[in-house]
Each structure stands twice: as structure tokens, then as C-alpha cells.
């Protein structure tokens, strides 16, 4: 019983995630080249860097974080 509840909750979460990704995509489609290159609130980052950070989070693993930290990429 608990396993099916967890699967249902996960499905609901992924539904929300996909909805938010679509909304973000709709917003990003409206950006001009100038908008993409505008400085972000994060020092040294442009809007394009922030967007890349947002959409790459599913690729990050503990191993990649440690490797990036060790090589000075973060």
C-alpha cells in the first residue's frame, strides 16, 4: 500500500515539474539575444548561464559535484 502511494506522489510531482518546465520554456522563447546576454543577479553570470544551471540540475550527481569541486570548476 505504501509503495503505490509513493508512486502516485512521484507521478504528481513529475506532472508539476513538467508543467513548470513548459512555462519556463514559454518565457524563454520570448527572450531576445540581448536578453540572453544580460547580466544576471549572480555576479559574473548572464541570463543564459542561469538558464543552463536551471536545466542541467538533473545531470548533477554527487560524483560530478566532487569532481567539479576538486578541479576548481565550482
N, C-alpha and C. Protein backbone atom coordinates (compact mmCIF):
# COMPACT_ATOMS: atom_id res chain seq x y z
N UNK A 1 0.82 -1.20 0.00
CA UNK A 1 0.00 0.00 0.00
C UNK A 1 0.86 1.26 0.00
N UNK A 2 1.88 1.30 0.85
CA UNK A 2 2.75 2.47 0.93
C UNK A 2 3.52 2.69 -0.38
N UNK A 3 3.91 1.61 -1.04
CA UNK A 3 4.65 1.73 -2.29
C UNK A 3 3.81 2.38 -3.38
N UNK A 4 2.54 2.02 -3.48
CA UNK A 4 1.68 2.61 -4.50
C UNK A 4 1.42 4.08 -4.19
N UNK A 5 1.36 4.44 -2.93
CA UNK A 5 1.18 5.84 -2.55
C UNK A 5 2.41 6.64 -2.96
N UNK A 6 3.58 6.10 -2.74
CA UNK A 6 4.81 6.79 -3.14
C UNK A 6 4.87 6.98 -4.65
N UNK A 7 4.47 5.96 -5.41
CA UNK A 7 4.48 6.06 -6.87
C UNK A 7 3.51 7.15 -7.32
N UNK A 8 2.36 7.24 -6.67
CA UNK A 8 1.38 8.26 -7.02
C UNK A 8 1.93 9.64 -6.72
N UNK A 9 2.55 9.79 -5.56
CA UNK A 9 3.14 11.09 -5.21
C UNK A 9 4.23 11.47 -6.20
N UNK A 10 5.06 10.53 -6.59
CA UNK A 10 6.13 10.80 -7.55
C UNK A 10 5.54 11.22 -8.89
N UNK A 11 4.49 10.55 -9.33
CA UNK A 11 3.85 10.91 -10.60
C UNK A 11 3.29 12.32 -10.53
N UNK A 12 2.69 12.68 -9.41
CA UNK A 12 2.15 14.03 -9.25
C UNK A 12 3.26 15.07 -9.27
N UNK A 13 4.37 14.77 -8.62
CA UNK A 13 5.50 15.70 -8.61
C UNK A 13 6.03 15.90 -10.02
N UNK A 14 6.20 14.79 -10.77
CA UNK A 14 6.72 14.92 -12.13
C UNK A 14 5.76 15.67 -13.04
N UNK A 15 4.46 15.52 -12.80
CA UNK A 15 3.48 16.29 -13.56
C UNK A 15 3.70 17.78 -13.32
N UNK A 16 3.91 18.16 -12.07
CA UNK A 16 4.17 19.57 -11.74
C UNK A 16 5.49 20.05 -12.34
N UNK A 17 6.51 19.21 -12.29
CA UNK A 17 7.81 19.57 -12.84
C UNK A 17 7.69 19.83 -14.34
N UNK A 18 7.00 18.95 -15.04
CA UNK A 18 6.83 19.13 -16.49
C UNK A 18 6.04 20.40 -16.80
N UNK A 19 5.04 20.68 -16.00
CA UNK A 19 4.25 21.90 -16.19
C UNK A 19 5.13 23.14 -16.01
N UNK A 20 5.96 23.13 -14.98
CA UNK A 20 6.84 24.27 -14.73
C UNK A 20 7.89 24.42 -15.83
N UNK A 21 8.39 23.30 -16.33
CA UNK A 21 9.36 23.35 -17.43
C UNK A 21 8.74 23.94 -18.69
N UNK A 22 7.48 23.57 -18.97
CA UNK A 22 6.79 24.14 -20.13
C UNK A 22 6.62 25.65 -19.96
N UNK A 23 6.23 26.07 -18.77
CA UNK A 23 6.06 27.51 -18.52
C UNK A 23 7.38 28.25 -18.68
N UNK A 24 8.46 27.68 -18.17
CA UNK A 24 9.77 28.29 -18.33
C UNK A 24 10.13 28.38 -19.81
N UNK A 25 9.88 27.31 -20.55
CA UNK A 25 10.16 27.31 -21.99
C UNK A 25 9.39 28.40 -22.71
N UNK A 26 8.14 28.59 -22.32
CA UNK A 26 7.33 29.65 -22.93
C UNK A 26 7.94 31.03 -22.69
N UNK A 27 8.44 31.24 -21.49
CA UNK A 27 9.07 32.52 -21.16
C UNK A 27 10.38 32.68 -21.94
N UNK A 28 11.18 31.62 -21.97
CA UNK A 28 12.49 31.69 -22.62
C UNK A 28 12.36 31.94 -24.12
N UNK A 29 11.27 31.45 -24.73
CA UNK A 29 11.06 31.68 -26.17
C UNK A 29 10.89 33.15 -26.49
N UNK A 30 10.52 33.95 -25.51
CA UNK A 30 10.29 35.38 -25.76
C UNK A 30 11.56 36.22 -25.63
N UNK A 31 12.66 35.63 -25.15
CA UNK A 31 13.89 36.39 -24.91
C UNK A 31 14.61 36.72 -26.22
N UNK A 32 15.12 37.92 -26.28
CA UNK A 32 15.94 38.34 -27.43
C UNK A 32 17.39 37.95 -27.16
N UNK A 33 18.24 38.11 -28.16
CA UNK A 33 19.67 37.86 -27.99
C UNK A 33 20.21 38.75 -26.87
N UNK A 34 19.78 39.99 -26.87
CA UNK A 34 20.20 40.93 -25.82
C UNK A 34 19.79 40.42 -24.44
N UNK A 35 18.55 39.92 -24.32
CA UNK A 35 18.07 39.39 -23.04
C UNK A 35 18.94 38.23 -22.55
N UNK A 36 19.28 37.32 -23.46
CA UNK A 36 20.08 36.16 -23.10
C UNK A 36 21.47 36.57 -22.59
N UNK A 37 21.98 37.67 -23.07
CA UNK A 37 23.32 38.12 -22.69
C UNK A 37 23.33 39.14 -21.56
N UNK A 38 22.16 39.46 -21.04
CA UNK A 38 22.05 40.42 -19.94
C UNK A 38 22.66 39.84 -18.67
N UNK A 39 23.33 40.69 -17.91
CA UNK A 39 23.90 40.26 -16.63
C UNK A 39 22.80 39.80 -15.69
N UNK A 40 23.05 38.71 -15.02
CA UNK A 40 22.10 38.18 -14.04
C UNK A 40 22.44 38.74 -12.65
N UNK A 41 21.61 38.42 -11.69
CA UNK A 41 21.88 38.87 -10.33
C UNK A 41 23.07 38.14 -9.72
N UNK A 42 23.40 36.97 -10.24
CA UNK A 42 24.58 36.23 -9.78
C UNK A 42 25.81 36.86 -10.44
N UNK A 43 26.72 37.33 -9.64
CA UNK A 43 27.90 38.04 -10.16
C UNK A 43 28.66 37.19 -11.18
N UNK A 44 28.94 37.78 -12.34
CA UNK A 44 29.70 37.10 -13.38
C UNK A 44 28.86 36.19 -14.27
N UNK A 45 27.57 36.10 -14.01
CA UNK A 45 26.70 35.24 -14.81
C UNK A 45 25.80 36.09 -15.69
N UNK A 46 25.45 35.54 -16.86
CA UNK A 46 24.45 36.14 -17.72
C UNK A 46 23.16 35.33 -17.59
N UNK A 47 22.10 35.82 -18.14
CA UNK A 47 20.82 35.10 -18.10
C UNK A 47 21.01 33.69 -18.65
N UNK A 48 21.77 33.57 -19.74
CA UNK A 48 21.99 32.25 -20.35
C UNK A 48 22.67 31.28 -19.38
N UNK A 49 23.56 31.77 -18.53
CA UNK A 49 24.24 30.92 -17.56
C UNK A 49 23.26 30.41 -16.50
N UNK A 50 22.39 31.29 -16.05
CA UNK A 50 21.39 30.91 -15.05
C UNK A 50 20.44 29.86 -15.63
N UNK A 51 20.00 30.06 -16.86
CA UNK A 51 19.10 29.10 -17.50
C UNK A 51 19.80 27.75 -17.64
N UNK A 52 21.04 27.75 -18.07
CA UNK A 52 21.79 26.49 -18.19
C UNK A 52 21.86 25.79 -16.85
N UNK A 53 22.10 26.55 -15.81
CA UNK A 53 22.16 25.98 -14.46
C UNK A 53 20.82 25.36 -14.08
N UNK A 54 19.74 26.03 -14.40
CA UNK A 54 18.41 25.53 -14.06
C UNK A 54 18.08 24.23 -14.78
N UNK A 55 18.42 24.15 -16.05
CA UNK A 55 18.00 22.98 -16.83
C UNK A 55 18.98 21.81 -16.75
N UNK A 56 20.16 22.02 -16.17
CA UNK A 56 21.14 20.94 -16.06
C UNK A 56 21.09 20.21 -14.73
N UNK A 57 20.27 20.64 -13.81
CA UNK A 57 20.31 20.07 -12.47
C UNK A 57 20.05 18.57 -12.45
N UNK A 58 19.30 18.04 -13.40
CA UNK A 58 19.05 16.60 -13.42
C UNK A 58 20.29 15.80 -13.81
N UNK A 59 21.32 16.48 -14.32
CA UNK A 59 22.55 15.80 -14.71
C UNK A 59 23.59 15.74 -13.60
N UNK A 60 23.33 16.47 -12.53
CA UNK A 60 24.31 16.57 -11.44
C UNK A 60 24.20 15.37 -10.52
N UNK A 61 25.36 14.80 -10.21
CA UNK A 61 25.43 13.70 -9.25
C UNK A 61 26.43 14.07 -8.17
N UNK A 62 26.44 13.30 -7.10
CA UNK A 62 27.43 13.56 -6.05
C UNK A 62 28.84 13.49 -6.62
N UNK A 63 29.08 12.52 -7.47
CA UNK A 63 30.41 12.34 -8.05
C UNK A 63 30.81 13.56 -8.89
N UNK A 64 29.87 14.09 -9.70
CA UNK A 64 30.20 15.23 -10.55
C UNK A 64 30.45 16.49 -9.71
N UNK A 65 29.71 16.64 -8.62
CA UNK A 65 29.92 17.79 -7.74
C UNK A 65 31.31 17.73 -7.11
N UNK A 66 31.69 16.56 -6.63
CA UNK A 66 33.01 16.40 -6.01
C UNK A 66 34.11 16.63 -7.04
N UNK A 67 33.93 16.08 -8.24
CA UNK A 67 34.93 16.27 -9.30
C UNK A 67 35.06 17.75 -9.65
N UNK A 68 33.94 18.44 -9.78
CA UNK A 68 33.98 19.88 -10.08
C UNK A 68 34.66 20.65 -8.96
N UNK A 69 34.36 20.28 -7.73
CA UNK A 69 34.96 20.96 -6.58
C UNK A 69 36.48 20.75 -6.56
N UNK A 70 36.89 19.52 -6.81
CA UNK A 70 38.33 19.20 -6.79
C UNK A 70 39.10 19.91 -7.90
N UNK A 71 38.46 20.09 -9.05
CA UNK A 71 39.15 20.71 -10.17
C UNK A 71 38.95 22.22 -10.21
N UNK A 72 38.23 22.75 -9.23
CA UNK A 72 38.05 24.20 -9.14
C UNK A 72 37.01 24.76 -10.07
N UNK A 73 36.13 23.91 -10.60
CA UNK A 73 35.09 24.40 -11.52
C UNK A 73 33.89 25.00 -10.79
N UNK A 74 33.85 24.88 -9.48
CA UNK A 74 32.73 25.49 -8.72
C UNK A 74 33.27 26.45 -7.70
